[in-house]
Amino acid sequence: SEGSWIPTLNTVRLLLAQTSNPLERLTILLLLKTGLGVQEIVNLEVNDVYLGPSSSNITSTISPKSQPYLYVEQNEKGPGSGHSKRLCDTRVPIDRELETGIKRYLKVRPDSPHTQLLLSMSRWGEPFSSDSINHAVEKNARKIGLHEKEGEMGRNLSPERLMQCFK
């Protein structure tokens, strides 16, 4: 139905192919490949990223494991819109494409006293917000004709639609 439109694999590939900004690309990859809600992505900290034993622990204080992952703590607010809770601490596996996206972003991540993983590159070093995530998705979706300012909500590509790809 129109209300449950989910992007196809080809649409996602096209979106990623035209998203060159490392922060925006990582944002889209996190939505697509982790099942994390927008607010959970905003709350990720640099120390929540474990890139594997061969990465010389450049980011994480989490005990070593064999595969890369994101560590997401239990929360009362819940994933995404806050309608549900994360009932326990969770290790979210990272595939190679997401790992590459994280490493690429970390190379250009602004130096900042903030521990948040995603930091604005336009407002140098300021924490990324839920609105910033929405804007990054909308901006890149507009480039491929999948978001119109005055368009129907059910037809526009949004962070929630990208999260549905994971589910």
N, C-alpha and C. Protein backbone atom coordinates (compact mmCIF):
# COMPACT_ATOMS: atom_id res chain seq x y z
N SER A 1 0.84 -1.19 0.00
CA SER A 1 0.00 0.00 0.00
C SER A 1 0.88 1.24 0.00
N GLU A 2 0.26 2.38 -0.29
CA GLU A 2 1.03 3.63 -0.31
C GLU A 2 1.65 3.93 1.05
N GLY A 3 0.93 3.61 2.10
CA GLY A 3 1.43 3.90 3.44
C GLY A 3 2.62 3.07 3.86
N SER A 4 2.86 1.95 3.19
CA SER A 4 3.97 1.09 3.60
C SER A 4 5.06 1.00 2.54
N TRP A 5 5.20 2.04 1.72
CA TRP A 5 6.22 2.06 0.68
C TRP A 5 7.61 1.95 1.31
N ILE A 6 8.40 1.02 0.78
CA ILE A 6 9.78 0.82 1.23
C ILE A 6 10.68 0.90 0.00
N PRO A 7 11.80 1.63 0.10
CA PRO A 7 12.71 1.74 -1.05
C PRO A 7 13.24 0.38 -1.49
N THR A 8 13.42 0.23 -2.78
CA THR A 8 14.02 -1.00 -3.31
C THR A 8 15.53 -0.96 -3.13
N LEU A 9 16.16 -2.09 -3.34
CA LEU A 9 17.61 -2.17 -3.26
C LEU A 9 18.26 -1.23 -4.28
N ASN A 10 17.70 -1.16 -5.48
CA ASN A 10 18.24 -0.25 -6.50
C ASN A 10 18.11 1.20 -6.09
N THR A 11 17.00 1.56 -5.44
CA THR A 11 16.82 2.93 -4.95
C THR A 11 17.86 3.26 -3.90
N VAL A 12 18.10 2.33 -2.99
CA VAL A 12 19.08 2.53 -1.93
C VAL A 12 20.48 2.68 -2.54
N ARG A 13 20.80 1.84 -3.51
CA ARG A 13 22.11 1.94 -4.18
C ARG A 13 22.28 3.30 -4.85
N LEU A 14 21.22 3.76 -5.53
CA LEU A 14 21.27 5.07 -6.19
C LEU A 14 21.46 6.18 -5.16
N LEU A 15 20.74 6.10 -4.06
CA LEU A 15 20.87 7.10 -2.99
C LEU A 15 22.30 7.14 -2.46
N LEU A 16 22.87 5.98 -2.17
CA LEU A 16 24.24 5.93 -1.65
C LEU A 16 25.26 6.37 -2.69
N ALA A 17 25.03 6.04 -3.95
CA ALA A 17 25.97 6.42 -5.00
C ALA A 17 26.09 7.92 -5.17
N GLN A 18 25.02 8.65 -4.93
CA GLN A 18 25.07 10.10 -5.10
C GLN A 18 25.33 10.84 -3.79
N THR A 19 25.47 10.13 -2.68
CA THR A 19 25.73 10.78 -1.39
C THR A 19 27.23 10.75 -1.13
N SER A 20 27.89 11.87 -1.41
CA SER A 20 29.34 11.91 -1.30
C SER A 20 29.85 12.43 0.05
N ASN A 21 29.04 13.21 0.75
CA ASN A 21 29.45 13.74 2.04
C ASN A 21 29.58 12.59 3.04
N PRO A 22 30.77 12.39 3.66
CA PRO A 22 30.99 11.24 4.55
C PRO A 22 30.01 11.18 5.73
N LEU A 23 29.64 12.32 6.29
CA LEU A 23 28.70 12.34 7.42
C LEU A 23 27.30 11.94 6.96
N GLU A 24 26.85 12.48 5.84
CA GLU A 24 25.52 12.16 5.34
C GLU A 24 25.46 10.70 4.90
N ARG A 25 26.52 10.21 4.27
CA ARG A 25 26.56 8.81 3.82
C ARG A 25 26.52 7.87 5.03
N LEU A 26 27.29 8.18 6.08
CA LEU A 26 27.29 7.36 7.28
C LEU A 26 25.91 7.38 7.93
N THR A 27 25.27 8.52 7.97
CA THR A 27 23.93 8.64 8.54
C THR A 27 22.96 7.70 7.82
N ILE A 28 22.99 7.72 6.49
CA ILE A 28 22.11 6.86 5.69
C ILE A 28 22.45 5.39 5.92
N LEU A 29 23.73 5.05 5.95
CA LEU A 29 24.14 3.67 6.19
C LEU A 29 23.69 3.18 7.57
N LEU A 30 23.80 4.03 8.58
CA LEU A 30 23.37 3.64 9.93
C LEU A 30 21.87 3.34 9.95
N LEU A 31 21.08 4.16 9.27
CA LEU A 31 19.64 3.93 9.22
C LEU A 31 19.32 2.63 8.48
N LEU A 32 20.01 2.41 7.37
CA LEU A 32 19.75 1.24 6.52
C LEU A 32 20.19 -0.08 7.14
N LYS A 33 21.31 -0.07 7.84
CA LYS A 33 21.97 -1.33 8.19
C LYS A 33 21.95 -1.71 9.66
N THR A 34 21.36 -0.89 10.51
CA THR A 34 21.42 -1.22 11.93
C THR A 34 20.06 -1.42 12.59
N GLY A 35 19.01 -0.84 12.02
CA GLY A 35 17.71 -0.90 12.68
C GLY A 35 17.59 0.06 13.84
N LEU A 36 18.61 0.89 14.04
CA LEU A 36 18.57 1.88 15.12
C LEU A 36 17.65 3.03 14.73
N GLY A 37 16.98 3.58 15.73
CA GLY A 37 16.14 4.75 15.52
C GLY A 37 16.98 6.01 15.40
N VAL A 38 16.36 7.06 14.92
CA VAL A 38 17.05 8.33 14.72
C VAL A 38 17.69 8.82 16.02
N GLN A 39 16.95 8.79 17.11
CA GLN A 39 17.49 9.28 18.38
C GLN A 39 18.62 8.40 18.89
N GLU A 40 18.54 7.10 18.65
CA GLU A 40 19.63 6.21 19.05
C GLU A 40 20.90 6.53 18.27
N ILE A 41 20.75 6.86 16.99
CA ILE A 41 21.91 7.23 16.17
C ILE A 41 22.50 8.54 16.67
N VAL A 42 21.64 9.49 16.99
CA VAL A 42 22.11 10.78 17.53
C VAL A 42 22.89 10.54 18.82
N ASN A 43 22.45 9.59 19.63
CA ASN A 43 23.07 9.34 20.94
C ASN A 43 24.34 8.49 20.89
N LEU A 44 24.66 7.92 19.72
CA LEU A 44 25.89 7.12 19.62
C LEU A 44 27.11 7.98 19.94
N GLU A 45 28.02 7.42 20.71
CA GLU A 45 29.26 8.11 21.02
C GLU A 45 30.42 7.40 20.33
N VAL A 46 31.53 8.10 20.20
CA VAL A 46 32.70 7.52 19.55
C VAL A 46 33.09 6.22 20.25
N ASN A 47 33.00 6.18 21.57
CA ASN A 47 33.39 4.98 22.32
C ASN A 47 32.41 3.83 22.18
N ASP A 48 31.28 4.05 21.50
CA ASP A 48 30.31 2.99 21.25
C ASP A 48 30.64 2.21 19.97
N VAL A 49 31.71 2.59 19.30
CA VAL A 49 32.11 1.95 18.04
C VAL A 49 33.31 1.04 18.30
N TYR A 50 33.15 -0.24 17.91
CA TYR A 50 34.27 -1.17 17.99
C TYR A 50 34.52 -1.68 16.58
N LEU A 51 35.70 -1.40 16.05
CA LEU A 51 36.00 -1.73 14.66
C LEU A 51 36.80 -3.01 14.49
N GLY A 52 36.90 -3.81 15.52
CA GLY A 52 37.58 -5.10 15.39
C GLY A 52 38.99 -5.08 15.91
N PRO A 53 39.58 -6.24 16.11
CA PRO A 53 40.90 -6.35 16.72
C PRO A 53 42.01 -5.77 15.84
N SER A 54 41.81 -5.71 14.54
CA SER A 54 42.87 -5.20 13.66
C SER A 54 42.87 -3.68 13.56
N SER A 55 41.92 -3.02 14.20
CA SER A 55 41.84 -1.56 14.07
C SER A 55 42.62 -0.82 15.14
N SER A 56 43.34 -1.52 15.94
CA SER A 56 44.16 -0.96 17.03
C SER A 56 43.34 -0.10 17.99
N ASN A 57 42.08 -0.48 18.18
CA ASN A 57 41.20 0.21 19.13
C ASN A 57 41.24 1.73 19.01
N ILE A 58 41.13 2.24 17.78
CA ILE A 58 41.21 3.69 17.60
C ILE A 58 40.03 4.43 18.20
N THR A 59 38.91 3.74 18.45
CA THR A 59 37.76 4.46 18.97
C THR A 59 37.22 3.92 20.28
N SER A 60 37.31 2.65 20.52
CA SER A 60 36.49 2.05 21.56
C SER A 60 37.23 1.68 22.82
N THR A 61 36.48 1.78 23.92
CA THR A 61 36.97 1.28 25.20
C THR A 61 36.28 -0.02 25.56
N ILE A 62 35.45 -0.53 24.63
CA ILE A 62 34.71 -1.76 24.85
C ILE A 62 35.66 -2.95 24.73
N SER A 63 35.43 -3.97 25.55
CA SER A 63 36.33 -5.13 25.50
C SER A 63 36.37 -5.75 24.11
N PRO A 64 37.53 -6.24 23.67
CA PRO A 64 37.71 -6.75 22.31
C PRO A 64 36.78 -7.91 21.96
N LYS A 65 36.30 -7.91 20.75
CA LYS A 65 35.53 -8.99 20.15
C LYS A 65 36.12 -9.21 18.76
N SER A 66 35.69 -10.27 18.10
CA SER A 66 36.29 -10.58 16.80
C SER A 66 35.68 -9.77 15.66
N GLN A 67 34.41 -9.37 15.78
CA GLN A 67 33.75 -8.65 14.70
C GLN A 67 33.39 -7.22 15.12
N PRO A 68 33.42 -6.28 14.17
CA PRO A 68 33.04 -4.90 14.48
C PRO A 68 31.56 -4.79 14.89
N TYR A 69 31.27 -3.86 15.80
CA TYR A 69 29.89 -3.64 16.21
C TYR A 69 29.73 -2.26 16.83
N LEU A 70 28.46 -1.87 16.98
CA LEU A 70 28.09 -0.66 17.72
C LEU A 70 27.49 -1.12 19.04
N TYR A 71 27.80 -0.42 20.09
CA TYR A 71 27.26 -0.74 21.40
C TYR A 71 26.16 0.27 21.70
N VAL A 72 24.94 -0.21 21.91
CA VAL A 72 23.79 0.66 22.18
C VAL A 72 23.24 0.29 23.55
N GLU A 73 23.22 1.26 24.44
CA GLU A 73 22.78 1.00 25.80
C GLU A 73 21.27 0.92 25.90
N GLN A 74 20.82 0.21 26.92
CA GLN A 74 19.40 0.16 27.27
C GLN A 74 18.92 1.59 27.44
N ASN A 75 17.69 1.88 27.04
CA ASN A 75 17.17 3.23 27.24
C ASN A 75 15.68 3.19 27.53
N GLU A 76 15.24 4.24 28.16
CA GLU A 76 13.82 4.36 28.50
C GLU A 76 13.05 5.11 27.42
N LYS A 77 13.75 5.90 26.63
CA LYS A 77 13.08 6.69 25.60
C LYS A 77 12.69 5.84 24.42
N GLY A 78 13.48 4.84 24.10
CA GLY A 78 13.16 3.93 23.02
C GLY A 78 13.73 4.35 21.69
N PRO A 79 13.80 3.40 20.75
CA PRO A 79 14.33 3.67 19.43
C PRO A 79 13.44 4.63 18.65
N GLY A 80 14.05 5.39 17.78
CA GLY A 80 13.30 6.24 16.85
C GLY A 80 12.44 7.26 17.55
N SER A 81 11.15 7.13 17.41
CA SER A 81 10.21 8.13 17.91
C SER A 81 9.97 8.03 19.41
N GLY A 82 10.49 7.02 20.06
CA GLY A 82 10.31 6.89 21.49
C GLY A 82 9.10 6.07 21.88
N HIS A 83 8.47 5.38 20.93
CA HIS A 83 7.28 4.60 21.22
C HIS A 83 7.61 3.23 21.83
N SER A 84 8.86 2.85 21.81
CA SER A 84 9.23 1.57 22.41
C SER A 84 10.57 1.74 23.12
N LYS A 85 10.90 0.80 23.98
CA LYS A 85 12.12 0.88 24.77
C LYS A 85 13.12 -0.16 24.31
N ARG A 86 14.41 0.13 24.48
CA ARG A 86 15.44 -0.88 24.29
C ARG A 86 15.63 -1.51 25.66
N LEU A 87 15.29 -2.77 25.77
CA LEU A 87 15.20 -3.42 27.07
C LEU A 87 16.53 -3.87 27.64
N CYS A 88 17.57 -3.94 26.81
CA CYS A 88 18.87 -4.34 27.32
C CYS A 88 19.97 -3.72 26.45
N ASP A 89 21.18 -3.71 26.98
CA ASP A 89 22.32 -3.25 26.18
C ASP A 89 22.45 -4.17 24.97
N THR A 90 22.79 -3.59 23.82
CA THR A 90 22.80 -4.35 22.58
C THR A 90 24.07 -4.11 21.79
N ARG A 91 24.64 -5.17 21.24
CA ARG A 91 25.75 -5.06 20.29
C ARG A 91 25.16 -5.23 18.90
N VAL A 92 25.26 -4.19 18.09
CA VAL A 92 24.71 -4.21 16.74
C VAL A 92 25.86 -4.49 15.77
N PRO A 93 25.83 -5.62 15.06
CA PRO A 93 26.92 -5.96 14.13
C PRO A 93 27.07 -4.92 13.02
N ILE A 94 28.31 -4.75 12.59
CA ILE A 94 28.63 -3.81 11.50
C ILE A 94 29.16 -4.64 10.33
N ASP A 95 28.60 -4.43 9.13
CA ASP A 95 29.15 -5.11 7.96
C ASP A 95 30.28 -4.27 7.36
N ARG A 96 30.92 -4.77 6.32
CA ARG A 96 32.10 -4.09 5.74
C ARG A 96 31.76 -2.72 5.18
N GLU A 97 30.60 -2.60 4.54
CA GLU A 97 30.23 -1.31 3.95
C GLU A 97 30.04 -0.26 5.04
N LEU A 98 29.38 -0.62 6.12
CA LEU A 98 29.19 0.32 7.23
C LEU A 98 30.52 0.61 7.92
N GLU A 99 31.34 -0.40 8.09
CA GLU A 99 32.67 -0.21 8.70
C GLU A 99 33.49 0.79 7.87
N THR A 100 33.46 0.63 6.55
CA THR A 100 34.17 1.55 5.66
C THR A 100 33.62 2.96 5.80
N GLY A 101 32.30 3.07 5.89
CA GLY A 101 31.67 4.39 6.06
C GLY A 101 32.08 5.06 7.37
N ILE A 102 32.16 4.27 8.43
CA ILE A 102 32.58 4.81 9.73
C ILE A 102 34.03 5.28 9.66
N LYS A 103 34.90 4.44 9.11
CA LYS A 103 36.32 4.81 9.02
C LYS A 103 36.52 6.05 8.15
N ARG A 104 35.78 6.13 7.05
CA ARG A 104 35.88 7.30 6.17
C ARG A 104 35.45 8.57 6.90
N TYR A 105 34.35 8.48 7.63
CA TYR A 105 33.87 9.63 8.39
C TYR A 105 34.85 10.01 9.50
N LEU A 106 35.39 9.02 10.22
CA LEU A 106 36.30 9.32 11.32
C LEU A 106 37.54 10.07 10.86
N LYS A 107 37.94 9.86 9.60
CA LYS A 107 39.11 10.58 9.06
C LYS A 107 38.85 12.08 8.93
N VAL A 108 37.58 12.47 8.74
CA VAL A 108 37.26 13.89 8.56
C VAL A 108 36.42 14.45 9.70
N ARG A 109 36.14 13.62 10.71
CA ARG A 109 35.33 14.07 11.85
C ARG A 109 36.01 15.26 12.51
N PRO A 110 35.23 16.32 12.76
CA PRO A 110 35.82 17.50 13.41
C PRO A 110 36.39 17.17 14.79
N ASP A 111 37.52 17.80 15.12
CA ASP A 111 38.04 17.70 16.48
C ASP A 111 37.09 18.46 17.38
N SER A 112 36.68 17.85 18.46
CA SER A 112 35.69 18.47 19.32
C SER A 112 35.75 17.84 20.70
N PRO A 113 35.39 18.59 21.73
CA PRO A 113 35.31 17.99 23.07
C PRO A 113 34.08 17.08 23.21
N HIS A 114 33.15 17.14 22.24
CA HIS A 114 31.95 16.31 22.29
C HIS A 114 32.31 14.86 22.01
N THR A 115 31.68 13.94 22.74
CA THR A 115 31.94 12.52 22.55
C THR A 115 30.98 11.88 21.57
N GLN A 116 29.97 12.62 21.16
CA GLN A 116 28.99 12.11 20.19
C GLN A 116 29.70 11.70 18.90
N LEU A 117 29.31 10.56 18.32
CA LEU A 117 29.94 10.08 17.09
C LEU A 117 29.70 11.05 15.94
N LEU A 118 28.45 11.42 15.70
CA LEU A 118 28.13 12.27 14.56
C LEU A 118 28.19 13.75 14.95
N LEU A 119 29.12 14.44 14.33
CA LEU A 119 29.29 15.87 14.57
C LEU A 119 29.13 16.62 13.26
N SER A 120 28.48 17.76 13.34
CA SER A 120 28.22 18.56 12.16
C SER A 120 29.52 19.03 11.52
N MET A 121 29.53 19.00 10.19
CA MET A 121 30.69 19.52 9.46
C MET A 121 30.41 20.94 8.98
N SER A 122 29.13 21.31 8.90
CA SER A 122 28.78 22.68 8.49
C SER A 122 28.83 23.62 9.69
N ARG A 123 28.39 23.15 10.85
CA ARG A 123 28.55 23.90 12.10
C ARG A 123 29.65 23.18 12.87
N TRP A 124 30.84 23.33 12.42
CA TRP A 124 32.02 22.56 12.78
C TRP A 124 32.04 22.09 14.23
N GLY A 125 31.91 20.77 14.41
CA GLY A 125 32.08 20.16 15.71
C GLY A 125 30.86 20.16 16.61
N GLU A 126 29.76 20.76 16.16
CA GLU A 126 28.55 20.75 16.99
C GLU A 126 27.84 19.40 16.85
N PRO A 127 27.21 18.91 17.91
CA PRO A 127 26.53 17.61 17.83
C PRO A 127 25.42 17.60 16.77
N PHE A 128 25.32 16.49 16.09
CA PHE A 128 24.28 16.25 15.08
C PHE A 128 22.97 16.00 15.83
N SER A 129 21.86 16.47 15.30
CA SER A 129 20.56 16.31 15.95
C SER A 129 19.63 15.45 15.09
N SER A 130 18.47 15.13 15.64
CA SER A 130 17.46 14.39 14.88
C SER A 130 17.08 15.17 13.62
N ASP A 131 16.93 16.49 13.76
CA ASP A 131 16.61 17.32 12.60
C ASP A 131 17.71 17.25 11.55
N SER A 132 18.97 17.18 11.99
CA SER A 132 20.09 17.08 11.06
C SER A 132 20.02 15.79 10.27
N ILE A 133 19.63 14.71 10.93
CA ILE A 133 19.50 13.42 10.25
C ILE A 133 18.38 13.49 9.21
N ASN A 134 17.24 14.05 9.61
CA ASN A 134 16.13 14.21 8.67
C ASN A 134 16.55 15.05 7.47
N HIS A 135 17.26 16.14 7.72
CA HIS A 135 17.71 17.02 6.64
C HIS A 135 18.67 16.29 5.70
N ALA A 136 19.60 15.53 6.25
CA ALA A 136 20.58 14.81 5.42
C ALA A 136 19.88 13.81 4.49
N VAL A 137 18.89 13.10 5.01
CA VAL A 137 18.16 12.13 4.19
C VAL A 137 17.34 12.86 3.13
N GLU A 138 16.61 13.89 3.54
CA GLU A 138 15.77 14.63 2.59
C GLU A 138 16.60 15.27 1.48
N LYS A 139 17.71 15.88 1.85
CA LYS A 139 18.57 16.55 0.87
C LYS A 139 19.04 15.57 -0.20
N ASN A 140 19.49 14.40 0.21
CA ASN A 140 20.00 13.42 -0.74
C ASN A 140 18.88 12.72 -1.50
N ALA A 141 17.73 12.53 -0.87
CA ALA A 141 16.57 11.94 -1.55
C ALA A 141 16.05 12.89 -2.63
N ARG A 142 16.12 14.18 -2.35
CA ARG A 142 15.67 15.19 -3.33
C ARG A 142 16.50 15.09 -4.61
N LYS A 143 17.79 14.78 -4.48
CA LYS A 143 18.69 14.69 -5.64
C LYS A 143 18.26 13.59 -6.61
N ILE A 144 17.59 12.54 -6.09
CA ILE A 144 17.17 11.44 -6.96
C ILE A 144 15.65 11.43 -7.15
N GLY A 145 15.01 12.54 -6.80
CA GLY A 145 13.58 12.68 -7.04
C GLY A 145 12.68 11.94 -6.07
N LEU A 146 13.17 11.64 -4.88
CA LEU A 146 12.36 10.90 -3.91
C LEU A 146 11.94 11.73 -2.70
N HIS A 147 12.04 13.04 -2.83
CA HIS A 147 11.53 13.91 -1.77
C HIS A 147 11.15 15.24 -2.36
N GLU A 148 9.90 15.64 -2.11
CA GLU A 148 9.40 16.95 -2.54
C GLU A 148 8.92 17.69 -1.30
N LYS A 149 9.28 18.97 -1.21
CA LYS A 149 8.89 19.76 -0.03
C LYS A 149 7.38 19.72 0.21
N GLU A 150 6.61 19.87 -0.85
CA GLU A 150 5.15 19.88 -0.71
C GLU A 150 4.54 18.52 -1.05
N GLY A 151 5.38 17.50 -1.19
CA GLY A 151 4.89 16.18 -1.57
C GLY A 151 4.18 15.47 -0.44
N GLU A 152 3.46 14.42 -0.80
CA GLU A 152 2.77 13.60 0.20
C GLU A 152 3.80 12.92 1.10
N MET A 153 3.51 12.90 2.36
CA MET A 153 4.41 12.29 3.32
C MET A 153 4.71 10.83 2.97
N GLY A 154 3.71 10.08 2.55
CA GLY A 154 3.88 8.67 2.24
C GLY A 154 4.72 8.41 1.00
N ARG A 155 4.99 9.43 0.21
CA ARG A 155 5.76 9.27 -1.02
C ARG A 155 7.20 9.74 -0.86
N ASN A 156 7.50 10.48 0.17
CA ASN A 156 8.85 11.00 0.38
C ASN A 156 9.73 9.98 1.10
N LEU A 157 11.00 9.94 0.68
CA LEU A 157 11.97 9.09 1.37
C LEU A 157 12.34 9.77 2.68
N SER A 158 12.27 9.04 3.76
CA SER A 158 12.53 9.60 5.09
C SER A 158 13.41 8.63 5.87
N PRO A 159 13.95 9.07 7.01
CA PRO A 159 14.72 8.15 7.85
C PRO A 159 13.91 6.90 8.23
N GLU A 160 12.63 7.08 8.50
CA GLU A 160 11.79 5.95 8.87
C GLU A 160 11.68 4.93 7.73
N ARG A 161 11.62 5.40 6.50
CA ARG A 161 11.56 4.51 5.33
C ARG A 161 12.87 3.72 5.21
N LEU A 162 13.99 4.38 5.48
CA LEU A 162 15.28 3.70 5.41
C LEU A 162 15.39 2.65 6.51
N MET A 163 14.88 2.98 7.70
CA MET A 163 14.88 2.01 8.80
C MET A 163 14.06 0.78 8.43
N GLN A 164 12.98 0.97 7.68
CA GLN A 164 12.14 -0.14 7.26
C GLN A 164 12.89 -1.11 6.36
N CYS A 165 13.87 -0.61 5.61
CA CYS A 165 14.69 -1.49 4.78
C CYS A 165 15.38 -2.54 5.63
N PHE A 166 15.86 -2.13 6.79
CA PHE A 166 16.53 -3.07 7.69
C PHE A 166 15.55 -4.10 8.22
N LYS A 167 14.39 -3.63 8.63
CA LYS A 167 13.40 -4.53 9.23
C LYS A 167 12.87 -5.49 8.22
